[in-house]
Amino acid sequence: MASTPETVAAAPAHGAEHPGLAHHFESYEQQRESASLGMWIFIAQEIMFFGGLFIAYAVYRHMYPDGFAAASAELDVKLGTFNTVVLIGSSLTMALAVRAAQLGRSKASAWFLIATMALGTTFLGVKGIEYHHKYVEHHIPGPSFQFTGEHHGQPVPANQARIFFGLYFGMTGLHALHMVIGLGLLLWLLYHTRKGRFTPDNYNYVEGVGLYWHFVDIVWIFLFPLLYLIGRH
């Protein structure tokens, strides 16, 4: 039966019938799958990005094992362990926020997002304390860099320690930048969660940010033993 102007006018608009569904998707399921695929592709290129740094670290660690071990011993393993626990906790609260969004529990999802943001901010605060310690100790690579550490009772060249700390600040700094971006995304999610935008049918934004946050946490799980634990006696 051909559509008349009257039936067309009476038909609900795409956005009105399915709020939150983009016009180029036929269903929430298709939209969620597309968003998930896009996030996994993004994470894949991020893995390659961080992978280059990990390879550089492995190469230089193999070249200067004593220098890297001596420099690693200057890091505060207690603060590093605390931050590891904090990030693991933030992954839990993020997963709970996604689950609450799937169940349509907007208020609970908002509180879990707030908890995740609080834990992420705590991590950055502790990392800032660590950076300050390295600044006071003149362990930031540059004209004022100083290092007099030893390994097995033997002094190690300062240039080897400089390479370690260059990688330390580069890798942890890049990770911290991803954390800051993640906090911005969480703030955006919190705003829209309180507006009731996310429903059991439409929660792909929460799920996508959750994947990103878990990826950032996993990167730290690799950074912590590489930078803080290997070679420590």
C-alpha atoms as a PDB file:
ATOM      1  CA  MET A   1       0.000   0.000   0.000  1.00  0.00           C
ATOM      2  CA  ALA A   2       1.458   3.361  -1.030  1.00  0.00           C
ATOM      3  CA  SER A   3       2.208   5.898   1.682  1.00  0.00           C
ATOM      4  CA  THR A   4       0.102   9.012   1.708  1.00  0.00           C
ATOM      5  CA  PRO A   5       1.191  12.396   3.031  1.00  0.00           C
ATOM      6  CA  GLU A   6      -1.050  11.751   6.029  1.00  0.00           C
ATOM      7  CA  THR A   7       0.586   8.418   6.958  1.00  0.00           C
ATOM      8  CA  VAL A   8       4.067   9.826   6.469  1.00  0.00           C
ATOM      9  CA  ALA A   9       3.264  12.735   8.748  1.00  0.00           C
ATOM     10  CA  ALA A  10       1.814  10.377  11.352  1.00  0.00           C
ATOM     11  CA  ALA A  11       4.870   8.070  11.388  1.00  0.00           C
ATOM     12  CA  PRO A  12       7.216   8.766  14.281  1.00  0.00           C
ATOM     13  CA  ALA A  13      10.612  10.182  13.430  1.00  0.00           C
ATOM     14  CA  HIS A  14      13.653   7.917  13.716  1.00  0.00           C
ATOM     15  CA  GLY A  15      15.052   9.863  16.662  1.00  0.00           C
ATOM     16  CA  ALA A  16      11.717  10.063  18.439  1.00  0.00           C
ATOM     17  CA  GLU A  17      11.077   6.342  18.059  1.00  0.00           C
ATOM     18  CA  HIS A  18      14.588   5.341  19.153  1.00  0.00           C
ATOM     19  CA  PRO A  19      16.251   8.097  21.200  1.00  0.00           C
ATOM     20  CA  GLY A  20      20.026   7.786  21.145  1.00  0.00           C
ATOM     21  CA  LEU A  21      20.044   5.726  17.932  1.00  0.00           C
ATOM     22  CA  ALA A  22      22.079   7.385  15.176  1.00  0.00           C
ATOM     23  CA  HIS A  23      20.240   7.774  11.874  1.00  0.00           C
ATOM     24  CA  HIS A  24      22.629   5.504   9.959  1.00  0.00           C
ATOM     25  CA  PHE A  25      21.987   2.486  12.207  1.00  0.00           C
ATOM     26  CA  GLU A  26      18.948   0.242  12.009  1.00  0.00           C
ATOM     27  CA  SER A  27      19.028  -0.944  15.624  1.00  0.00           C
ATOM     28  CA  TYR A  28      20.726  -0.373  18.959  1.00  0.00           C
ATOM     29  CA  GLU A  29      22.450  -3.753  18.592  1.00  0.00           C
ATOM     30  CA  GLN A  30      24.022  -2.716  15.288  1.00  0.00           C
ATOM     31  CA  GLN A  31      25.078   0.604  16.765  1.00  0.00           C
ATOM     32  CA  ARG A  32      26.624  -1.096  19.809  1.00  0.00           C
ATOM     33  CA  GLU A  33      28.526  -3.624  17.700  1.00  0.00           C
ATOM     34  CA  SER A  34      29.865  -0.877  15.427  1.00  0.00           C
ATOM     35  CA  ALA A  35      30.960   1.224  18.394  1.00  0.00           C
ATOM     36  CA  SER A  36      32.626  -1.782  20.009  1.00  0.00           C
ATOM     37  CA  LEU A  37      34.493  -2.631  16.797  1.00  0.00           C
ATOM     38  CA  GLY A  38      35.680   0.950  16.464  1.00  0.00           C
ATOM     39  CA  MET A  39      36.954   0.992  20.048  1.00  0.00           C
ATOM     40  CA  TRP A  40      38.807  -2.303  19.599  1.00  0.00           C
ATOM     41  CA  ILE A  41      40.479  -0.945  16.436  1.00  0.00           C
ATOM     42  CA  PHE A  42      41.508   2.154  18.381  1.00  0.00           C
ATOM     43  CA  ILE A  43      42.901   0.024  21.213  1.00  0.00           C
ATOM     44  CA  ALA A  44      44.825  -2.082  18.683  1.00  0.00           C
ATOM     45  CA  GLN A  45      46.658   0.966  17.353  1.00  0.00           C
ATOM     46  CA  GLU A  46      47.277   2.145  20.922  1.00  0.00           C
ATOM     47  CA  ILE A  47      48.880  -1.236  21.672  1.00  0.00           C
ATOM     48  CA  MET A  48      51.218  -0.710  18.717  1.00  0.00           C
ATOM     49  CA  PHE A  49      51.953   2.816  19.965  1.00  0.00           C
ATOM     50  CA  PHE A  50      52.887   1.685  23.477  1.00  0.00           C
ATOM     51  CA  GLY A  51      54.542  -1.405  22.000  1.00  0.00           C
ATOM     52  CA  GLY A  52      57.260   0.730  20.464  1.00  0.00           C
ATOM     53  CA  LEU A  53      58.106   2.150  23.881  1.00  0.00           C
ATOM     54  CA  PHE A  54      58.142  -1.302  25.458  1.00  0.00           C
ATOM     55  CA  ILE A  55      60.502  -2.546  22.746  1.00  0.00           C
ATOM     56  CA  ALA A  56      62.809   0.437  23.279  1.00  0.00           C
ATOM     57  CA  TYR A  57      62.785  -0.268  27.018  1.00  0.00           C
ATOM     58  CA  ALA A  58      63.618  -3.962  26.457  1.00  0.00           C
ATOM     59  CA  VAL A  59      66.499  -3.136  24.107  1.00  0.00           C
ATOM     60  CA  TYR A  60      68.113  -0.620  26.452  1.00  0.00           C
ATOM     61  CA  ARG A  61      67.516  -2.814  29.482  1.00  0.00           C
ATOM     62  CA  HIS A  62      69.393  -5.595  27.706  1.00  0.00           C
ATOM     63  CA  MET A  63      72.217  -3.191  26.823  1.00  0.00           C
ATOM     64  CA  TYR A  64      72.549  -1.625  30.295  1.00  0.00           C
ATOM     65  CA  PRO A  65      71.191  -4.111  32.859  1.00  0.00           C
ATOM     66  CA  ASP A  66      73.241  -2.760  35.780  1.00  0.00           C
ATOM     67  CA  GLY A  67      72.412   0.883  35.077  1.00  0.00           C
ATOM     68  CA  PHE A  68      68.717   0.141  34.715  1.00  0.00           C
ATOM     69  CA  ALA A  69      68.663  -1.959  37.896  1.00  0.00           C
ATOM     70  CA  ALA A  70      70.385   0.789  39.884  1.00  0.00           C
ATOM     71  CA  ALA A  71      68.046   3.478  38.535  1.00  0.00           C
ATOM     72  CA  SER A  72      64.971   1.313  39.107  1.00  0.00           C
ATOM     73  CA  ALA A  73      65.979   0.923  42.757  1.00  0.00           C
ATOM     74  CA  GLU A  74      65.547   4.702  43.135  1.00  0.00           C
ATOM     75  CA  LEU A  75      61.807   4.447  42.447  1.00  0.00           C
ATOM     76  CA  ASP A  76      59.366   4.230  45.352  1.00  0.00           C
ATOM     77  CA  VAL A  77      57.964   0.712  45.073  1.00  0.00           C
ATOM     78  CA  LYS A  78      55.454   1.375  47.878  1.00  0.00           C
ATOM     79  CA  LEU A  79      53.848   4.246  45.972  1.00  0.00           C
ATOM     80  CA  GLY A  80      53.938   2.183  42.787  1.00  0.00           C
ATOM     81  CA  THR A  81      52.216  -0.730  44.547  1.00  0.00           C
ATOM     82  CA  PHE A  82      49.602   1.597  46.018  1.00  0.00           C
ATOM     83  CA  ASN A  83      48.860   3.038  42.588  1.00  0.00           C
ATOM     84  CA  THR A  84      48.551  -0.469  41.153  1.00  0.00           C
ATOM     85  CA  VAL A  85      45.922  -1.351  43.751  1.00  0.00           C
ATOM     86  CA  VAL A  86      44.134   1.939  43.041  1.00  0.00           C
ATOM     87  CA  LEU A  87      43.931   1.231  39.306  1.00  0.00           C
ATOM     88  CA  ILE A  88      42.738  -2.340  39.837  1.00  0.00           C
ATOM     89  CA  GLY A  89      39.993  -0.916  42.048  1.00  0.00           C
ATOM     90  CA  SER A  90      39.094   1.615  39.354  1.00  0.00           C
ATOM     91  CA  SER A  91      38.705  -1.191  36.815  1.00  0.00           C
ATOM     92  CA  LEU A  92      36.242  -2.857  39.189  1.00  0.00           C
ATOM     93  CA  THR A  93      34.169   0.303  39.656  1.00  0.00           C
ATOM     94  CA  MET A  94      34.229   0.937  35.891  1.00  0.00           C
ATOM     95  CA  ALA A  95      32.956  -2.585  35.217  1.00  0.00           C
ATOM     96  CA  LEU A  96      30.200  -2.047  37.782  1.00  0.00           C
ATOM     97  CA  ALA A  97      29.270   1.248  36.110  1.00  0.00           C
ATOM     98  CA  VAL A  98      28.896  -0.538  32.753  1.00  0.00           C
ATOM     99  CA  ARG A  99      26.811  -3.283  34.337  1.00  0.00           C
ATOM    100  CA  ALA A 100      24.559  -0.766  36.058  1.00  0.00           C
ATOM    101  CA  ALA A 101      24.048   1.015  32.721  1.00  0.00           C
ATOM    102  CA  GLN A 102      23.121  -2.301  31.088  1.00  0.00           C
ATOM    103  CA  LEU A 103      20.491  -2.832  33.789  1.00  0.00           C
ATOM    104  CA  GLY A 104      19.125   0.702  33.450  1.00  0.00           C
ATOM    105  CA  ARG A 105      20.263   1.718  36.940  1.00  0.00           C
ATOM    106  CA  SER A 106      21.375   5.248  36.108  1.00  0.00           C
ATOM    107  CA  LYS A 107      21.860   6.390  39.702  1.00  0.00           C
ATOM    108  CA  ALA A 108      24.100   3.420  40.561  1.00  0.00           C
ATOM    109  CA  SER A 109      26.026   3.851  37.305  1.00  0.00           C
ATOM    110  CA  ALA A 110      26.641   7.514  38.151  1.00  0.00           C
ATOM    111  CA  TRP A 111      28.023   6.646  41.587  1.00  0.00           C
ATOM    112  CA  PHE A 112      30.331   4.005  40.144  1.00  0.00           C
ATOM    113  CA  LEU A 113      31.558   6.536  37.581  1.00  0.00           C
ATOM    114  CA  ILE A 114      32.268   8.999  40.386  1.00  0.00           C
ATOM    115  CA  ALA A 115      34.193   6.304  42.275  1.00  0.00           C
ATOM    116  CA  THR A 116      36.220   5.522  39.147  1.00  0.00           C
ATOM    117  CA  MET A 117      37.036   9.195  38.698  1.00  0.00           C
ATOM    118  CA  ALA A 118      38.068   9.491  42.352  1.00  0.00           C
ATOM    119  CA  LEU A 119      40.410   6.519  42.035  1.00  0.00           C
ATOM    120  CA  GLY A 120      41.850   7.828  38.767  1.00  0.00           C
ATOM    121  CA  THR A 121      42.471  11.228  40.337  1.00  0.00           C
ATOM    122  CA  THR A 122      44.155   9.535  43.301  1.00  0.00           C
ATOM    123  CA  PHE A 123      46.465   7.703  40.918  1.00  0.00           C
ATOM    124  CA  LEU A 124      47.483  10.945  39.203  1.00  0.00           C
ATOM    125  CA  GLY A 125      48.016  12.647  42.560  1.00  0.00           C
ATOM    126  CA  VAL A 126      50.354   9.890  43.731  1.00  0.00           C
ATOM    127  CA  LYS A 127      52.182   9.971  40.402  1.00  0.00           C
ATOM    128  CA  GLY A 128      52.611  13.721  40.853  1.00  0.00           C
ATOM    129  CA  ILE A 129      54.212  13.056  44.270  1.00  0.00           C
ATOM    130  CA  GLU A 130      56.606  10.592  42.650  1.00  0.00           C
ATOM    131  CA  TYR A 131      57.516  13.105  39.949  1.00  0.00           C
ATOM    132  CA  HIS A 132      58.204  15.717  42.622  1.00  0.00           C
ATOM    133  CA  HIS A 133      60.533  13.299  44.420  1.00  0.00           C
ATOM    134  CA  LYS A 134      62.471  12.727  41.200  1.00  0.00           C
ATOM    135  CA  TYR A 135      62.672  16.497  40.651  1.00  0.00           C
ATOM    136  CA  VAL A 136      64.090  17.062  44.138  1.00  0.00           C
ATOM    137  CA  GLU A 137      66.600  14.233  43.618  1.00  0.00           C
ATOM    138  CA  HIS A 138      67.660  15.666  40.210  1.00  0.00           C
ATOM    139  CA  HIS A 139      66.610  12.507  38.411  1.00  0.00           C
ATOM    140  CA  ILE A 140      64.756  14.292  35.623  1.00  0.00           C
ATOM    141  CA  PRO A 141      66.840  13.994  32.413  1.00  0.00           C
ATOM    142  CA  GLY A 142      68.296  17.357  31.517  1.00  0.00           C
ATOM    143  CA  PRO A 143      71.149  19.736  32.362  1.00  0.00           C
ATOM    144  CA  SER A 144      70.643  19.272  36.137  1.00  0.00           C
ATOM    145  CA  PHE A 145      70.483  15.471  36.035  1.00  0.00           C
ATOM    146  CA  GLN A 146      72.535  13.766  38.745  1.00  0.00           C
ATOM    147  CA  PHE A 147      72.922  10.096  39.623  1.00  0.00           C
ATOM    148  CA  THR A 148      75.382   8.340  41.937  1.00  0.00           C
ATOM    149  CA  GLY A 149      73.700   4.944  42.304  1.00  0.00           C
ATOM    150  CA  GLU A 150      75.481   1.621  42.513  1.00  0.00           C
ATOM    151  CA  HIS A 151      74.736  -1.962  41.504  1.00  0.00           C
ATOM    152  CA  HIS A 152      76.394  -4.835  43.354  1.00  0.00           C
ATOM    153  CA  GLY A 153      78.637  -2.296  45.035  1.00  0.00           C
ATOM    154  CA  GLN A 154      79.881  -0.873  41.749  1.00  0.00           C
ATOM    155  CA  PRO A 155      78.997   2.653  40.514  1.00  0.00           C
ATOM    156  CA  VAL A 156      77.055   2.793  37.274  1.00  0.00           C
ATOM    157  CA  PRO A 157      77.471   5.427  34.532  1.00  0.00           C
ATOM    158  CA  ALA A 158      75.069   8.325  34.893  1.00  0.00           C
ATOM    159  CA  ASN A 159      74.184   8.195  31.193  1.00  0.00           C
ATOM    160  CA  GLN A 160      72.703   4.699  31.646  1.00  0.00           C
ATOM    161  CA  ALA A 161      70.497   5.942  34.465  1.00  0.00           C
ATOM    162  CA  ARG A 162      69.553   8.956  32.350  1.00  0.00           C
ATOM    163  CA  ILE A 163      68.249   6.631  29.638  1.00  0.00           C
ATOM    164  CA  PHE A 164      66.209   4.719  32.220  1.00  0.00           C
ATOM    165  CA  PHE A 165      64.635   7.853  33.647  1.00  0.00           C
ATOM    166  CA  GLY A 166      64.005   9.195  30.149  1.00  0.00           C
ATOM    167  CA  LEU A 167      61.991   6.063  29.395  1.00  0.00           C
ATOM    168  CA  TYR A 168      60.373   6.178  32.835  1.00  0.00           C
ATOM    169  CA  PHE A 169      59.070   9.712  32.382  1.00  0.00           C
ATOM    170  CA  GLY A 170      58.155   9.085  28.749  1.00  0.00           C
ATOM    171  CA  MET A 171      56.183   5.907  29.422  1.00  0.00           C
ATOM    172  CA  THR A 172      54.523   6.945  32.685  1.00  0.00           C
ATOM    173  CA  GLY A 173      53.893  10.457  31.359  1.00  0.00           C
ATOM    174  CA  LEU A 174      52.154   9.105  28.270  1.00  0.00           C
ATOM    175  CA  HIS A 175      50.157   6.764  30.476  1.00  0.00           C
ATOM    176  CA  ALA A 176      49.187   9.676  32.724  1.00  0.00           C
ATOM    177  CA  LEU A 177      48.040  11.623  29.651  1.00  0.00           C
ATOM    178  CA  HIS A 178      45.746   8.726  28.750  1.00  0.00           C
ATOM    179  CA  MET A 179      44.444   8.798  32.308  1.00  0.00           C
ATOM    180  CA  VAL A 180      43.622  12.510  32.023  1.00  0.00           C
ATOM    181  CA  ILE A 181      41.766  11.860  28.758  1.00  0.00           C
ATOM    182  CA  GLY A 182      39.943   8.988  30.431  1.00  0.00           C
ATOM    183  CA  LEU A 183      38.854  11.246  33.297  1.00  0.00           C
ATOM    184  CA  GLY A 184      37.465  13.719  30.773  1.00  0.00           C
ATOM    185  CA  LEU A 185      35.483  10.925  29.109  1.00  0.00           C
ATOM    186  CA  LEU A 186      34.193   9.760  32.493  1.00  0.00           C
ATOM    187  CA  LEU A 187      33.052  13.292  33.305  1.00  0.00           C
ATOM    188  CA  TRP A 188      31.166  13.379  29.992  1.00  0.00           C
ATOM    189  CA  LEU A 189      29.587  10.004  30.778  1.00  0.00           C
ATOM    190  CA  LEU A 190      28.577  11.186  34.234  1.00  0.00           C
ATOM    191  CA  TYR A 191      26.814  14.233  32.805  1.00  0.00           C
ATOM    192  CA  HIS A 192      24.785  12.187  30.329  1.00  0.00           C
ATOM    193  CA  THR A 193      24.142   9.408  32.833  1.00  0.00           C
ATOM    194  CA  ARG A 194      22.531  11.904  35.187  1.00  0.00           C
ATOM    195  CA  LYS A 195      20.455  13.138  32.252  1.00  0.00           C
ATOM    196  CA  GLY A 196      19.153   9.584  31.803  1.00  0.00           C
ATOM    197  CA  ARG A 197      20.535   9.223  28.288  1.00  0.00           C
ATOM    198  CA  PHE A 198      21.769   5.652  28.722  1.00  0.00           C
ATOM    199  CA  THR A 199      19.308   2.757  28.839  1.00  0.00           C
ATOM    200  CA  PRO A 200      19.507  -1.057  28.694  1.00  0.00           C
ATOM    201  CA  ASP A 201      19.186  -0.695  24.906  1.00  0.00           C
ATOM    202  CA  ASN A 202      21.588   2.213  24.541  1.00  0.00           C
ATOM    203  CA  TYR A 203      24.704   1.946  26.699  1.00  0.00           C
ATOM    204  CA  ASN A 204      27.452   1.600  24.086  1.00  0.00           C
ATOM    205  CA  TYR A 205      29.111   4.880  25.132  1.00  0.00           C
ATOM    206  CA  VAL A 206      29.557   3.614  28.682  1.00  0.00           C
ATOM    207  CA  GLU A 207      30.848   0.283  27.407  1.00  0.00           C
ATOM    208  CA  GLY A 208      33.287   1.962  24.986  1.00  0.00           C
ATOM    209  CA  VAL A 209      34.777   4.245  27.630  1.00  0.00           C
ATOM    210  CA  GLY A 210      34.969   1.219  29.913  1.00  0.00           C
ATOM    211  CA  LEU A 211      37.087  -0.631  27.340  1.00  0.00           C
ATOM    212  CA  TYR A 212      39.387   2.382  27.051  1.00  0.00           C
ATOM    213  CA  TRP A 213      39.743   2.638  30.834  1.00  0.00           C
ATOM    214  CA  HIS A 214      40.551  -1.063  31.187  1.00  0.00           C
ATOM    215  CA  PHE A 215      43.185  -0.734  28.466  1.00  0.00           C
ATOM    216  CA  VAL A 216      44.865   2.138  30.319  1.00  0.00           C
ATOM    217  CA  ASP A 217      44.831   0.073  33.516  1.00  0.00           C
ATOM    218  CA  ILE A 218      46.375  -2.936  31.742  1.00  0.00           C
ATOM    219  CA  VAL A 219      49.186  -0.751  30.379  1.00  0.00           C
ATOM    220  CA  TRP A 220      50.079   0.157  33.964  1.00  0.00           C
ATOM    221  CA  ILE A 221      50.014  -3.515  34.982  1.00  0.00           C
ATOM    222  CA  PHE A 222      52.903  -3.976  32.517  1.00  0.00           C
ATOM    223  CA  LEU A 223      54.668  -0.718  33.411  1.00  0.00           C
ATOM    224  CA  PHE A 224      54.767  -1.403  37.140  1.00  0.00           C
ATOM    225  CA  PRO A 225      56.905  -4.587  37.122  1.00  0.00           C
ATOM    226  CA  LEU A 226      59.096  -3.379  34.246  1.00  0.00           C
ATOM    227  CA  LEU A 227      59.961  -0.071  35.888  1.00  0.00           C
ATOM    228  CA  TYR A 228      59.709  -0.826  39.602  1.00  0.00           C
ATOM    229  CA  LEU A 229      60.369  -4.529  40.203  1.00  0.00           C
ATOM    230  CA  ILE A 230      62.771  -6.084  37.664  1.00  0.00           C
ATOM    231  CA  GLY A 231      66.304  -6.104  39.033  1.00  0.00           C
ATOM    232  CA  ARG A 232      65.234  -5.009  42.511  1.00  0.00           C
ATOM    233  CA  HIS A 233      66.904  -6.955  45.355  1.00  0.00           C
END
